[in-house]
Amino acid sequence: MEQITISGLKVSSLIGVYDWERTRPTTLLMDIEVKADLSQARHSDEVADTIDYAKLAEFVQQQAASATFELLEALGHALCEAVLQNFPVQQITLAITKPEILADAQAVTVTISAGR
C-alpha cells in the first residue's frame, strides 16, 4: 500500500456557525493523504495506473466549493466519502485548517479519516 499526500491545498467553501462567517466563502487549507495500491504504476510509469493527484485536488476543491456546511467535521466527512466513492483509494485522511478563526490562535485544524 502506497500513500499520496497533497499538502496545503487552498480550498474555498461557505463554512461556519456564525452569521458573519456565512456571508462569503472562507479559504481553508487542506492536507490530503490517500492510501492505495500503486504497485502497477511503479512498474508501468503510466499516470493511468495511479491516483492522478491533480484530478484529486481539483475534485476536492469543487466538492468543497459547492458545500454549505457549518462544521469542519461535517465538511471533512462529506469530502472523505466523496473521494472514496470516486477514486480507487483504500483510505483517506483529510486535515482541514481554518486560519484566523480564534483570536489567540493562528488556526484550527480538524482531521477526519475514512476507509473501505
PDB file of N, CA and C in Angstrom:
ATOM      1  N   MET A   1       0.850  -1.178   0.000  1.00  0.00           N
ATOM      2  CA  MET A   1       0.000   0.000   0.000  1.00  0.00           C
ATOM      3  C   MET A   1       0.893   1.237   0.000  1.00  0.00           C
ATOM      4  N   GLU A   2       0.663   2.104  -0.940  1.00  0.00           N
ATOM      5  CA  GLU A   2       1.417   3.335  -1.040  1.00  0.00           C
ATOM      6  C   GLU A   2       0.551   4.518  -0.601  1.00  0.00           C
ATOM      7  N   GLN A   3       1.193   5.658  -0.453  1.00  0.00           N
ATOM      8  CA  GLN A   3       0.481   6.851   0.021  1.00  0.00           C
ATOM      9  C   GLN A   3       0.817   8.039  -0.866  1.00  0.00           C
ATOM     10  N   ILE A   4      -0.183   8.840  -1.155  1.00  0.00           N
ATOM     11  CA  ILE A   4      -0.012  10.122  -1.839  1.00  0.00           C
ATOM     12  C   ILE A   4      -0.472  11.202  -0.865  1.00  0.00           C
ATOM     13  N   THR A   5       0.314  12.251  -0.748  1.00  0.00           N
ATOM     14  CA  THR A   5      -0.020  13.363   0.143  1.00  0.00           C
ATOM     15  C   THR A   5      -0.045  14.667  -0.644  1.00  0.00           C
ATOM     16  N   ILE A   6      -1.114  15.402  -0.484  1.00  0.00           N
ATOM     17  CA  ILE A   6      -1.221  16.755  -1.021  1.00  0.00           C
ATOM     18  C   ILE A   6      -1.256  17.676   0.197  1.00  0.00           C
ATOM     19  N   SER A   7      -0.319  18.609   0.274  1.00  0.00           N
ATOM     20  CA  SER A   7      -0.196  19.466   1.452  1.00  0.00           C
ATOM     21  C   SER A   7      -0.565  20.909   1.133  1.00  0.00           C
ATOM     22  N   GLY A   8      -1.341  21.515   2.028  1.00  0.00           N
ATOM     23  CA  GLY A   8      -1.637  22.934   1.931  1.00  0.00           C
ATOM     24  C   GLY A   8      -2.500  23.333   0.746  1.00  0.00           C
ATOM     25  N   LEU A   9      -3.404  22.452   0.317  1.00  0.00           N
ATOM     26  CA  LEU A   9      -4.292  22.762  -0.804  1.00  0.00           C
ATOM     27  C   LEU A   9      -5.265  23.860  -0.396  1.00  0.00           C
ATOM     28  N   LYS A  10      -5.304  24.945  -1.160  1.00  0.00           N
ATOM     29  CA  LYS A  10      -6.237  26.037  -0.877  1.00  0.00           C
ATOM     30  C   LYS A  10      -7.605  25.678  -1.433  1.00  0.00           C
ATOM     31  N   VAL A  11      -8.599  25.765  -0.552  1.00  0.00           N
ATOM     32  CA  VAL A  11      -9.970  25.383  -0.890  1.00  0.00           C
ATOM     33  C   VAL A  11     -10.904  26.479  -0.388  1.00  0.00           C
ATOM     34  N   SER A  12     -11.838  26.880  -1.217  1.00  0.00           N
ATOM     35  CA  SER A  12     -12.818  27.893  -0.836  1.00  0.00           C
ATOM     36  C   SER A  12     -14.152  27.209  -0.554  1.00  0.00           C
ATOM     37  N   SER A  13     -14.747  27.527   0.615  1.00  0.00           N
ATOM     38  CA  SER A  13     -16.014  26.904   0.976  1.00  0.00           C
ATOM     39  C   SER A  13     -16.813  27.840   1.881  1.00  0.00           C
ATOM     40  N   LEU A  14     -18.125  27.772   1.743  1.00  0.00           N
ATOM     41  CA  LEU A  14     -19.003  28.500   2.659  1.00  0.00           C
ATOM     42  C   LEU A  14     -19.134  27.637   3.913  1.00  0.00           C
ATOM     43  N   ILE A  15     -18.454  28.030   4.964  1.00  0.00           N
ATOM     44  CA  ILE A  15     -18.372  27.210   6.177  1.00  0.00           C
ATOM     45  C   ILE A  15     -18.422  28.125   7.391  1.00  0.00           C
ATOM     46  N   GLY A  16     -19.112  27.677   8.428  1.00  0.00           N
ATOM     47  CA  GLY A  16     -19.112  28.432   9.663  1.00  0.00           C
ATOM     48  C   GLY A  16     -20.447  28.393  10.369  1.00  0.00           C
ATOM     49  N   VAL A  17     -20.392  28.608  11.654  1.00  0.00           N
ATOM     50  CA  VAL A  17     -21.575  28.587  12.514  1.00  0.00           C
ATOM     51  C   VAL A  17     -22.174  29.985  12.638  1.00  0.00           C
ATOM     52  N   TYR A  18     -21.323  30.983  12.696  1.00  0.00           N
ATOM     53  CA  TYR A  18     -21.777  32.349  12.943  1.00  0.00           C
ATOM     54  C   TYR A  18     -22.283  33.007  11.658  1.00  0.00           C
ATOM     55  N   ASP A  19     -23.232  33.917  11.798  1.00  0.00           N
ATOM     56  CA  ASP A  19     -23.806  34.611  10.642  1.00  0.00           C
ATOM     57  C   ASP A  19     -22.734  35.320   9.813  1.00  0.00           C
ATOM     58  N   TRP A  20     -21.770  35.944  10.480  1.00  0.00           N
ATOM     59  CA  TRP A  20     -20.742  36.677   9.753  1.00  0.00           C
ATOM     60  C   TRP A  20     -19.854  35.756   8.919  1.00  0.00           C
ATOM     61  N   GLU A  21     -19.767  34.468   9.299  1.00  0.00           N
ATOM     62  CA  GLU A  21     -18.975  33.511   8.529  1.00  0.00           C
ATOM     63  C   GLU A  21     -19.701  33.068   7.261  1.00  0.00           C
ATOM     64  N   ARG A  22     -21.010  33.235   7.245  1.00  0.00           N
ATOM     65  CA  ARG A  22     -21.808  32.695   6.149  1.00  0.00           C
ATOM     66  C   ARG A  22     -22.110  33.742   5.072  1.00  0.00           C
ATOM     67  N   THR A  23     -21.423  34.884   5.141  1.00  0.00           N
ATOM     68  CA  THR A  23     -21.658  35.934   4.152  1.00  0.00           C
ATOM     69  C   THR A  23     -20.803  35.758   2.895  1.00  0.00           C
ATOM     70  N   ARG A  24     -19.698  35.011   3.039  1.00  0.00           N
ATOM     71  CA  ARG A  24     -18.835  34.769   1.878  1.00  0.00           C
ATOM     72  C   ARG A  24     -17.989  33.522   2.137  1.00  0.00           C
ATOM     73  N   PRO A  25     -17.507  32.894   1.075  1.00  0.00           N
ATOM     74  CA  PRO A  25     -16.677  31.692   1.258  1.00  0.00           C
ATOM     75  C   PRO A  25     -15.393  31.991   2.040  1.00  0.00           C
ATOM     76  N   THR A  26     -14.933  30.992   2.750  1.00  0.00           N
ATOM     77  CA  THR A  26     -13.697  31.054   3.521  1.00  0.00           C
ATOM     78  C   THR A  26     -12.636  30.225   2.817  1.00  0.00           C
ATOM     79  N   THR A  27     -11.403  30.720   2.810  1.00  0.00           N
ATOM     80  CA  THR A  27     -10.295  29.929   2.267  1.00  0.00           C
ATOM     81  C   THR A  27      -9.781  29.010   3.371  1.00  0.00           C
ATOM     82  N   LEU A  28      -9.850  27.730   3.113  1.00  0.00           N
ATOM     83  CA  LEU A  28      -9.354  26.705   4.021  1.00  0.00           C
ATOM     84  C   LEU A  28      -8.086  26.106   3.425  1.00  0.00           C
ATOM     85  N   LEU A  29      -7.274  25.505   4.279  1.00  0.00           N
ATOM     86  CA  LEU A  29      -6.103  24.760   3.818  1.00  0.00           C
ATOM     87  C   LEU A  29      -6.331  23.297   4.137  1.00  0.00           C
ATOM     88  N   MET A  30      -6.069  22.431   3.168  1.00  0.00           N
ATOM     89  CA  MET A  30      -6.300  21.003   3.375  1.00  0.00           C
ATOM     90  C   MET A  30      -5.040  20.208   3.086  1.00  0.00           C
ATOM     91  N   ASP A  31      -4.786  19.250   3.959  1.00  0.00           N
ATOM     92  CA  ASP A  31      -3.763  18.232   3.736  1.00  0.00           C
ATOM     93  C   ASP A  31      -4.512  16.934   3.494  1.00  0.00           C
ATOM     94  N   ILE A  32      -4.262  16.325   2.353  1.00  0.00           N
ATOM     95  CA  ILE A  32      -4.966  15.105   1.945  1.00  0.00           C
ATOM     96  C   ILE A  32      -3.959  13.979   1.846  1.00  0.00           C
ATOM     97  N   GLU A  33      -4.226  12.892   2.552  1.00  0.00           N
ATOM     98  CA  GLU A  33      -3.399  11.685   2.428  1.00  0.00           C
ATOM     99  C   GLU A  33      -4.305  10.559   1.974  1.00  0.00           C
ATOM    100  N   VAL A  34      -3.946   9.919   0.870  1.00  0.00           N
ATOM    101  CA  VAL A  34      -4.703   8.758   0.410  1.00  0.00           C
ATOM    102  C   VAL A  34      -3.763   7.565   0.318  1.00  0.00           C
ATOM    103  N   LYS A  35      -4.301   6.419   0.679  1.00  0.00           N
ATOM    104  CA  LYS A  35      -3.548   5.165   0.566  1.00  0.00           C
ATOM    105  C   LYS A  35      -4.237   4.305  -0.473  1.00  0.00           C
ATOM    106  N   ALA A  36      -3.416   3.752  -1.359  1.00  0.00           N
ATOM    107  CA  ALA A  36      -3.940   2.926  -2.444  1.00  0.00           C
ATOM    108  C   ALA A  36      -2.844   1.973  -2.908  1.00  0.00           C
ATOM    109  N   ASP A  37      -3.247   0.971  -3.649  1.00  0.00           N
ATOM    110  CA  ASP A  37      -2.295   0.050  -4.257  1.00  0.00           C
ATOM    111  C   ASP A  37      -1.787   0.687  -5.545  1.00  0.00           C
ATOM    112  N   LEU A  38      -0.576   1.171  -5.510  1.00  0.00           N
ATOM    113  CA  LEU A  38       0.016   1.836  -6.666  1.00  0.00           C
ATOM    114  C   LEU A  38       1.123   0.991  -7.295  1.00  0.00           C
ATOM    115  N   SER A  39       1.116  -0.304  -7.006  1.00  0.00           N
ATOM    116  CA  SER A  39       2.186  -1.175  -7.494  1.00  0.00           C
ATOM    117  C   SER A  39       2.233  -1.219  -9.019  1.00  0.00           C
ATOM    118  N   GLN A  40       1.094  -1.180  -9.680  1.00  0.00           N
ATOM    119  CA  GLN A  40       1.094  -1.214 -11.143  1.00  0.00           C
ATOM    120  C   GLN A  40       1.777   0.040 -11.704  1.00  0.00           C
ATOM    121  N   ALA A  41       1.524   1.189 -11.099  1.00  0.00           N
ATOM    122  CA  ALA A  41       2.141   2.438 -11.560  1.00  0.00           C
ATOM    123  C   ALA A  41       3.653   2.421 -11.363  1.00  0.00           C
ATOM    124  N   ARG A  42       4.110   1.772 -10.318  1.00  0.00           N
ATOM    125  CA  ARG A  42       5.556   1.686 -10.082  1.00  0.00           C
ATOM    126  C   ARG A  42       6.263   0.991 -11.231  1.00  0.00           C
ATOM    127  N   HIS A  43       5.572   0.046 -11.857  1.00  0.00           N
ATOM    128  CA  HIS A  43       6.180  -0.731 -12.939  1.00  0.00           C
ATOM    129  C   HIS A  43       5.897  -0.148 -14.323  1.00  0.00           C
ATOM    130  N   SER A  44       4.707   0.429 -14.488  1.00  0.00           N
ATOM    131  CA  SER A  44       4.322   0.926 -15.819  1.00  0.00           C
ATOM    132  C   SER A  44       4.774   2.350 -16.098  1.00  0.00           C
ATOM    133  N   ASP A  45       4.914   3.160 -15.060  1.00  0.00           N
ATOM    134  CA  ASP A  45       5.236   4.576 -15.197  1.00  0.00           C
ATOM    135  C   ASP A  45       4.160   5.314 -15.992  1.00  0.00           C
ATOM    136  N   GLU A  46       2.919   4.870 -15.862  1.00  0.00           N
ATOM    137  CA  GLU A  46       1.778   5.458 -16.564  1.00  0.00           C
ATOM    138  C   GLU A  46       0.841   6.127 -15.562  1.00  0.00           C
ATOM    139  N   VAL A  47       0.430   7.361 -15.835  1.00  0.00           N
ATOM    140  CA  VAL A  47      -0.462   8.089 -14.935  1.00  0.00           C
ATOM    141  C   VAL A  47      -1.815   7.383 -14.801  1.00  0.00           C
ATOM    142  N   ALA A  48      -2.222   6.657 -15.811  1.00  0.00           N
ATOM    143  CA  ALA A  48      -3.498   5.935 -15.764  1.00  0.00           C
ATOM    144  C   ALA A  48      -3.492   4.837 -14.699  1.00  0.00           C
ATOM    145  N   ASP A  49      -2.320   4.440 -14.246  1.00  0.00           N
ATOM    146  CA  ASP A  49      -2.207   3.358 -13.266  1.00  0.00           C
ATOM    147  C   ASP A  49      -2.031   3.864 -11.831  1.00  0.00           C
ATOM    148  N   THR A  50      -2.193   5.151 -11.635  1.00  0.00           N
ATOM    149  CA  THR A  50      -2.036   5.713 -10.294  1.00  0.00           C
ATOM    150  C   THR A  50      -3.231   6.609  -9.976  1.00  0.00           C
ATOM    151  N   ILE A  51      -3.191   7.251  -8.834  1.00  0.00           N
ATOM    152  CA  ILE A  51      -4.174   8.269  -8.492  1.00  0.00           C
ATOM    153  C   ILE A  51      -3.654   9.580  -9.063  1.00  0.00           C
ATOM    154  N   ASP A  52      -4.370  10.154  -9.990  1.00  0.00           N
ATOM    155  CA  ASP A  52      -3.974  11.428 -10.584  1.00  0.00           C
ATOM    156  C   ASP A  52      -4.208  12.510  -9.530  1.00  0.00           C
ATOM    157  N   TYR A  53      -3.146  12.964  -8.903  1.00  0.00           N
ATOM    158  CA  TYR A  53      -3.321  13.888  -7.774  1.00  0.00           C
ATOM    159  C   TYR A  53      -3.813  15.253  -8.202  1.00  0.00           C
ATOM    160  N   ALA A  54      -3.592  15.646  -9.450  1.00  0.00           N
ATOM    161  CA  ALA A  54      -4.169  16.906  -9.937  1.00  0.00           C
ATOM    162  C   ALA A  54      -5.692  16.794  -9.993  1.00  0.00           C
ATOM    163  N   LYS A  55      -6.185  15.652 -10.457  1.00  0.00           N
ATOM    164  CA  LYS A  55      -7.635  15.434 -10.510  1.00  0.00           C
ATOM    165  C   LYS A  55      -8.217  15.309  -9.104  1.00  0.00           C
ATOM    166  N   LEU A  56      -7.492  14.665  -8.209  1.00  0.00           N
ATOM    167  CA  LEU A  56      -7.944  14.538  -6.823  1.00  0.00           C
ATOM    168  C   LEU A  56      -8.060  15.919  -6.177  1.00  0.00           C
ATOM    169  N   ALA A  57      -7.057  16.753  -6.352  1.00  0.00           N
ATOM    170  CA  ALA A  57      -7.076  18.107  -5.767  1.00  0.00           C
ATOM    171  C   ALA A  57      -8.233  18.914  -6.341  1.00  0.00           C
ATOM    172  N   GLU A  58      -8.407  18.882  -7.648  1.00  0.00           N
ATOM    173  CA  GLU A  58      -9.490  19.623  -8.284  1.00  0.00           C
ATOM    174  C   GLU A  58     -10.852  19.117  -7.810  1.00  0.00           C
ATOM    175  N   PHE A  59     -10.992  17.809  -7.665  1.00  0.00           N
ATOM    176  CA  PHE A  59     -12.240  17.215  -7.189  1.00  0.00           C
ATOM    177  C   PHE A  59     -12.579  17.727  -5.789  1.00  0.00           C
ATOM    178  N   VAL A  60     -11.609  17.710  -4.884  1.00  0.00           N
ATOM    179  CA  VAL A  60     -11.830  18.172  -3.515  1.00  0.00           C
ATOM    180  C   VAL A  60     -12.194  19.656  -3.526  1.00  0.00           C
ATOM    181  N   GLN A  61     -11.509  20.452  -4.322  1.00  0.00           N
ATOM    182  CA  GLN A  61     -11.815  21.881  -4.399  1.00  0.00           C
ATOM    183  C   GLN A  61     -13.244  22.112  -4.896  1.00  0.00           C
ATOM    184  N   GLN A  62     -13.657  21.374  -5.919  1.00  0.00           N
ATOM    185  CA  GLN A  62     -15.008  21.536  -6.464  1.00  0.00           C
ATOM    186  C   GLN A  62     -16.075  21.095  -5.465  1.00  0.00           C
ATOM    187  N   GLN A  63     -15.836  19.983  -4.791  1.00  0.00           N
ATOM    188  CA  GLN A  63     -16.793  19.488  -3.800  1.00  0.00           C
ATOM    189  C   GLN A  63     -16.940  20.484  -2.649  1.00  0.00           C
ATOM    190  N   ALA A  64     -15.831  21.011  -2.173  1.00  0.00           N
ATOM    191  CA  ALA A  64     -15.867  21.967  -1.066  1.00  0.00           C
ATOM    192  C   ALA A  64     -16.535  23.273  -1.486  1.00  0.00           C
ATOM    193  N   ALA A  65     -16.292  23.711  -2.714  1.00  0.00           N
ATOM    194  CA  ALA A  65     -16.869  24.970  -3.200  1.00  0.00           C
ATOM    195  C   ALA A  65     -18.387  24.906  -3.271  1.00  0.00           C
ATOM    196  N   SER A  66     -18.931  23.724  -3.514  1.00  0.00           N
ATOM    197  CA  SER A  66     -20.386  23.592  -3.620  1.00  0.00           C
ATOM    198  C   SER A  66     -21.049  23.234  -2.285  1.00  0.00           C
ATOM    199  N   ALA A  67     -20.248  23.050  -1.245  1.00  0.00           N
ATOM    200  CA  ALA A  67     -20.773  22.668   0.073  1.00  0.00           C
ATOM    201  C   ALA A  67     -21.160  23.900   0.887  1.00  0.00           C
ATOM    202  N   THR A  68     -22.089  23.701   1.825  1.00  0.00           N
ATOM    203  CA  THR A  68     -22.520  24.801   2.703  1.00  0.00           C
ATOM    204  C   THR A  68     -22.650  24.309   4.143  1.00  0.00           C
ATOM    205  N   PHE A  69     -21.681  23.588   4.621  1.00  0.00           N
ATOM    206  CA  PHE A  69     -21.720  23.058   5.977  1.00  0.00           C
ATOM    207  C   PHE A  69     -21.406  24.135   7.007  1.00  0.00           C
ATOM    208  N   GLU A  70     -21.854  23.905   8.229  1.00  0.00           N
ATOM    209  CA  GLU A  70     -21.486  24.784   9.339  1.00  0.00           C
ATOM    210  C   GLU A  70     -20.179  24.326   9.976  1.00  0.00           C
ATOM    211  N   LEU A  71     -19.968  23.020  10.065  1.00  0.00           N
ATOM    212  CA  LEU A  71     -18.827  22.473  10.801  1.00  0.00           C
ATOM    213  C   LEU A  71     -17.767  21.873   9.881  1.00  0.00           C
ATOM    214  N   LEU A  72     -16.503  22.065  10.255  1.00  0.00           N
ATOM    215  CA  LEU A  72     -15.405  21.431   9.540  1.00  0.00           C
ATOM    216  C   LEU A  72     -15.542  19.912   9.579  1.00  0.00           C
ATOM    217  N   GLU A  73     -16.044  19.392  10.692  1.00  0.00           N
ATOM    218  CA  GLU A  73     -16.208  17.950  10.835  1.00  0.00           C
ATOM    219  C   GLU A  73     -17.159  17.389   9.772  1.00  0.00           C
ATOM    220  N   ALA A  74     -18.258  18.087   9.533  1.00  0.00           N
ATOM    221  CA  ALA A  74     -19.240  17.635   8.542  1.00  0.00           C
ATOM    222  C   ALA A  74     -18.677  17.754   7.130  1.00  0.00           C
ATOM    223  N   LEU A  75     -17.996  18.852   6.843  1.00  0.00           N
ATOM    224  CA  LEU A  75     -17.361  19.015   5.532  1.00  0.00           C
ATOM    225  C   LEU A  75     -16.329  17.921   5.313  1.00  0.00           C
ATOM    226  N   GLY A  76     -15.503  17.669   6.307  1.00  0.00           N
ATOM    227  CA  GLY A  76     -14.474  16.635   6.186  1.00  0.00           C
ATOM    228  C   GLY A  76     -15.048  15.266   5.929  1.00  0.00           C
ATOM    229  N   HIS A  77     -16.097  14.929   6.645  1.00  0.00           N
ATOM    230  CA  HIS A  77     -16.745  13.624   6.442  1.00  0.00           C
ATOM    231  C   HIS A  77     -17.291  13.514   5.024  1.00  0.00           C
ATOM    232  N   ALA A  78     -17.979  14.540   4.553  1.00  0.00           N
ATOM    233  CA  ALA A  78     -18.552  14.520   3.205  1.00  0.00           C
ATOM    234  C   ALA A  78     -17.460  14.399   2.140  1.00  0.00           C
ATOM    235  N   LEU A  79     -16.371  15.118   2.320  1.00  0.00           N
ATOM    236  CA  LEU A  79     -15.281  15.055   1.353  1.00  0.00           C
ATOM    237  C   LEU A  79     -14.620  13.680   1.343  1.00  0.00           C
ATOM    238  N   CYS A  80     -14.404  13.105   2.514  1.00  0.00           N
ATOM    239  CA  CYS A  80     -13.810  11.765   2.583  1.00  0.00           C
ATOM    240  C   CYS A  80     -14.693  10.741   1.866  1.00  0.00           C
ATOM    241  N   GLU A  81     -15.975  10.786   2.125  1.00  0.00           N
ATOM    242  CA  GLU A  81     -16.902   9.850   1.485  1.00  0.00           C
ATOM    243  C   GLU A  81     -16.920  10.038  -0.035  1.00  0.00           C
ATOM    244  N   ALA A  82     -16.898  11.279  -0.490  1.00  0.00           N
ATOM    245  CA  ALA A  82     -16.905  11.552  -1.927  1.00  0.00           C
ATOM    246  C   ALA A  82     -15.633  11.029  -2.601  1.00  0.00           C
ATOM    247  N   VAL A  83     -14.491  11.218  -1.951  1.00  0.00           N
ATOM    248  CA  VAL A  83     -13.237  10.711  -2.517  1.00  0.00           C
ATOM    249  C   VAL A  83     -13.266   9.186  -2.579  1.00  0.00           C
ATOM    250  N   LEU A  84     -13.725   8.540  -1.522  1.00  0.00           N
ATOM    251  CA  LEU A  84     -13.799   7.070  -1.520  1.00  0.00           C
ATOM    252  C   LEU A  84     -14.716   6.553  -2.621  1.00  0.00           C
ATOM    253  N   GLN A  85     -15.769   7.282  -2.933  1.00  0.00           N
ATOM    254  CA  GLN A  85     -16.704   6.858  -3.972  1.00  0.00           C
ATOM    255  C   GLN A  85     -16.187   7.121  -5.385  1.00  0.00           C
ATOM    256  N   ASN A  86     -15.265   8.061  -5.539  1.00  0.00           N
ATOM    257  CA  ASN A  86     -14.858   8.479  -6.878  1.00  0.00           C
ATOM    258  C   ASN A  86     -13.412   8.166  -7.254  1.00  0.00           C
ATOM    259  N   PHE A  87     -12.632   7.684  -6.317  1.00  0.00           N
ATOM    260  CA  PHE A  87     -11.235   7.350  -6.592  1.00  0.00           C
ATOM    261  C   PHE A  87     -10.917   5.979  -6.000  1.00  0.00           C
ATOM    262  N   PRO A  88     -10.018   5.240  -6.637  1.00  0.00           N
ATOM    263  CA  PRO A  88      -9.675   3.891  -6.146  1.00  0.00           C
ATOM    264  C   PRO A  88      -8.687   3.929  -4.978  1.00  0.00           C
ATOM    265  N   VAL A  89      -9.109   4.526  -3.879  1.00  0.00           N
ATOM    266  CA  VAL A  89      -8.264   4.609  -2.686  1.00  0.00           C
ATOM    267  C   VAL A  89      -8.840   3.705  -1.606  1.00  0.00           C
ATOM    268  N   GLN A  90      -7.984   3.219  -0.758  1.00  0.00           N
ATOM    269  CA  GLN A  90      -8.405   2.365   0.351  1.00  0.00           C
ATOM    270  C   GLN A  90      -8.677   3.171   1.612  1.00  0.00           C
ATOM    271  N   GLN A  91      -7.949   4.265   1.767  1.00  0.00           N
ATOM    272  CA  GLN A  91      -8.088   5.080   2.974  1.00  0.00           C
ATOM    273  C   GLN A  91      -7.761   6.522   2.646  1.00  0.00           C
ATOM    274  N   ILE A  92      -8.431   7.436   3.341  1.00  0.00           N
ATOM    275  CA  ILE A  92      -8.146   8.862   3.203  1.00  0.00           C
ATOM    276  C   ILE A  92      -8.099   9.489   4.592  1.00  0.00           C
ATOM    277  N   THR A  93      -7.132  10.363   4.762  1.00  0.00           N
ATOM    278  CA  THR A  93      -7.064  11.214   5.943  1.00  0.00           C
ATOM    279  C   THR A  93      -7.022  12.646   5.437  1.00  0.00           C
ATOM    280  N   LEU A  94      -7.934  13.444   5.955  1.00  0.00           N
ATOM    281  CA  LEU A  94      -8.099  14.817   5.496  1.00  0.00           C
ATOM    282  C   LEU A  94      -7.993  15.747   6.698  1.00  0.00           C
ATOM    283  N   ALA A  95      -7.002  16.630   6.670  1.00  0.00           N
ATOM    284  CA  ALA A  95      -6.847  17.644   7.715  1.00  0.00           C
ATOM    285  C   ALA A  95      -7.282  18.979   7.123  1.00  0.00           C
ATOM    286  N   ILE A  96      -8.303  19.584   7.738  1.00  0.00           N
ATOM    287  CA  ILE A  96      -8.834  20.857   7.263  1.00  0.00           C
ATOM    288  C   ILE A  96      -8.453  21.938   8.259  1.00  0.00           C
ATOM    289  N   THR A  97      -7.742  22.951   7.786  1.00  0.00           N
ATOM    290  CA  THR A  97      -7.295  24.045   8.630  1.00  0.00           C
ATOM    291  C   THR A  97      -8.070  25.302   8.270  1.00  0.00           C
ATOM    292  N   LYS A  98      -8.651  25.915   9.311  1.00  0.00           N
ATOM    293  CA  LYS A  98      -9.375  27.177   9.161  1.00  0.00           C
ATOM    294  C   LYS A  98      -8.543  28.252   9.847  1.00  0.00           C
ATOM    295  N   PRO A  99      -7.874  29.087   9.051  1.00  0.00           N
ATOM    296  CA  PRO A  99      -6.997  30.112   9.635  1.00  0.00           C
ATOM    297  C   PRO A  99      -7.772  31.242  10.305  1.00  0.00           C
ATOM    298  N   GLU A 100      -7.152  31.826  11.309  1.00  0.00           N
ATOM    299  CA  GLU A 100      -7.613  33.070  11.939  1.00  0.00           C
ATOM    300  C   GLU A 100      -9.070  33.045  12.389  1.00  0.00           C
ATOM    301  N   ILE A 101      -9.522  31.921  12.927  1.00  0.00           N
ATOM    302  CA  ILE A 101     -10.896  31.832  13.422  1.00  0.00           C
ATOM    303  C   ILE A 101     -10.966  32.130  14.923  1.00  0.00           C
ATOM    304  N   LEU A 102      -9.859  31.906  15.632  1.00  0.00           N
ATOM    305  CA  LEU A 102      -9.791  32.230  17.058  1.00  0.00           C
ATOM    306  C   LEU A 102      -8.827  33.389  17.273  1.00  0.00           C
ATOM    307  N   ALA A 103      -9.190  34.288  18.156  1.00  0.00           N
ATOM    308  CA  ALA A 103      -8.379  35.492  18.386  1.00  0.00           C
ATOM    309  C   ALA A 103      -6.954  35.168  18.837  1.00  0.00           C
ATOM    310  N   ASP A 104      -6.792  34.139  19.639  1.00  0.00           N
ATOM    311  CA  ASP A 104      -5.484  33.839  20.210  1.00  0.00           C
ATOM    312  C   ASP A 104      -4.806  32.629  19.578  1.00  0.00           C
ATOM    313  N   ALA A 105      -5.232  32.234  18.392  1.00  0.00           N
ATOM    314  CA  ALA A 105      -4.633  31.085  17.705  1.00  0.00           C
ATOM    315  C   ALA A 105      -4.485  31.396  16.221  1.00  0.00           C
ATOM    316  N   GLN A 106      -3.457  30.843  15.627  1.00  0.00           N
ATOM    317  CA  GLN A 106      -3.262  31.042  14.187  1.00  0.00           C
ATOM    318  C   GLN A 106      -4.335  30.327  13.372  1.00  0.00           C
ATOM    319  N   ALA A 107      -4.756  29.160  13.847  1.00  0.00           N
ATOM    320  CA  ALA A 107      -5.704  28.361  13.065  1.00  0.00           C
ATOM    321  C   ALA A 107      -6.275  27.244  13.926  1.00  0.00           C
ATOM    322  N   VAL A 108      -7.335  26.639  13.413  1.00  0.00           N
ATOM    323  CA  VAL A 108      -7.901  25.424  13.994  1.00  0.00           C
ATOM    324  C   VAL A 108      -7.888  24.369  12.890  1.00  0.00           C
ATOM    325  N   THR A 109      -7.487  23.153  13.248  1.00  0.00           N
ATOM    326  CA  THR A 109      -7.439  22.053  12.273  1.00  0.00           C
ATOM    327  C   THR A 109      -8.262  20.887  12.793  1.00  0.00           C
ATOM    328  N   VAL A 110      -9.103  20.349  11.924  1.00  0.00           N
ATOM    329  CA  VAL A 110      -9.878  19.150  12.211  1.00  0.00           C
ATOM    330  C   VAL A 110      -9.399  18.063  11.239  1.00  0.00           C
ATOM    331  N   THR A 111      -9.123  16.880  11.761  1.00  0.00           N
ATOM    332  CA  THR A 111      -8.652  15.772  10.937  1.00  0.00           C
ATOM    333  C   THR A 111      -9.687  14.645  10.955  1.00  0.00           C
ATOM    334  N   ILE A 112     -10.053  14.190   9.755  1.00  0.00           N
ATOM    335  CA  ILE A 112     -11.032  13.122   9.576  1.00  0.00           C
ATOM    336  C   ILE A 112     -10.373  12.009   8.765  1.00  0.00           C
ATOM    337  N   SER A 113     -10.608  10.762   9.159  1.00  0.00           N
ATOM    338  CA  SER A 113     -10.106   9.615   8.401  1.00  0.00           C
ATOM    339  C   SER A 113     -11.266   8.697   8.063  1.00  0.00           C
ATOM    340  N   ALA A 114     -11.177   8.073   6.894  1.00  0.00           N
ATOM    341  CA  ALA A 114     -12.200   7.104   6.488  1.00  0.00           C
ATOM    342  C   ALA A 114     -11.541   6.091   5.558  1.00  0.00           C
ATOM    343  N   GLY A 115     -12.122   4.921   5.517  1.00  0.00           N
ATOM    344  CA  GLY A 115     -11.581   3.879   4.646  1.00  0.00           C
ATOM    345  C   GLY A 115     -12.633   2.893   4.212  1.00  0.00           C
ATOM    346  N   ARG A 116     -12.229   2.015   3.342  1.00  0.00           N
ATOM    347  CA  ARG A 116     -13.136   0.972   2.848  1.00  0.00           C
ATOM    348  C   ARG A 116     -13.176  -0.177   3.812  1.00  0.00           C
TER     349      ARG A 116
END
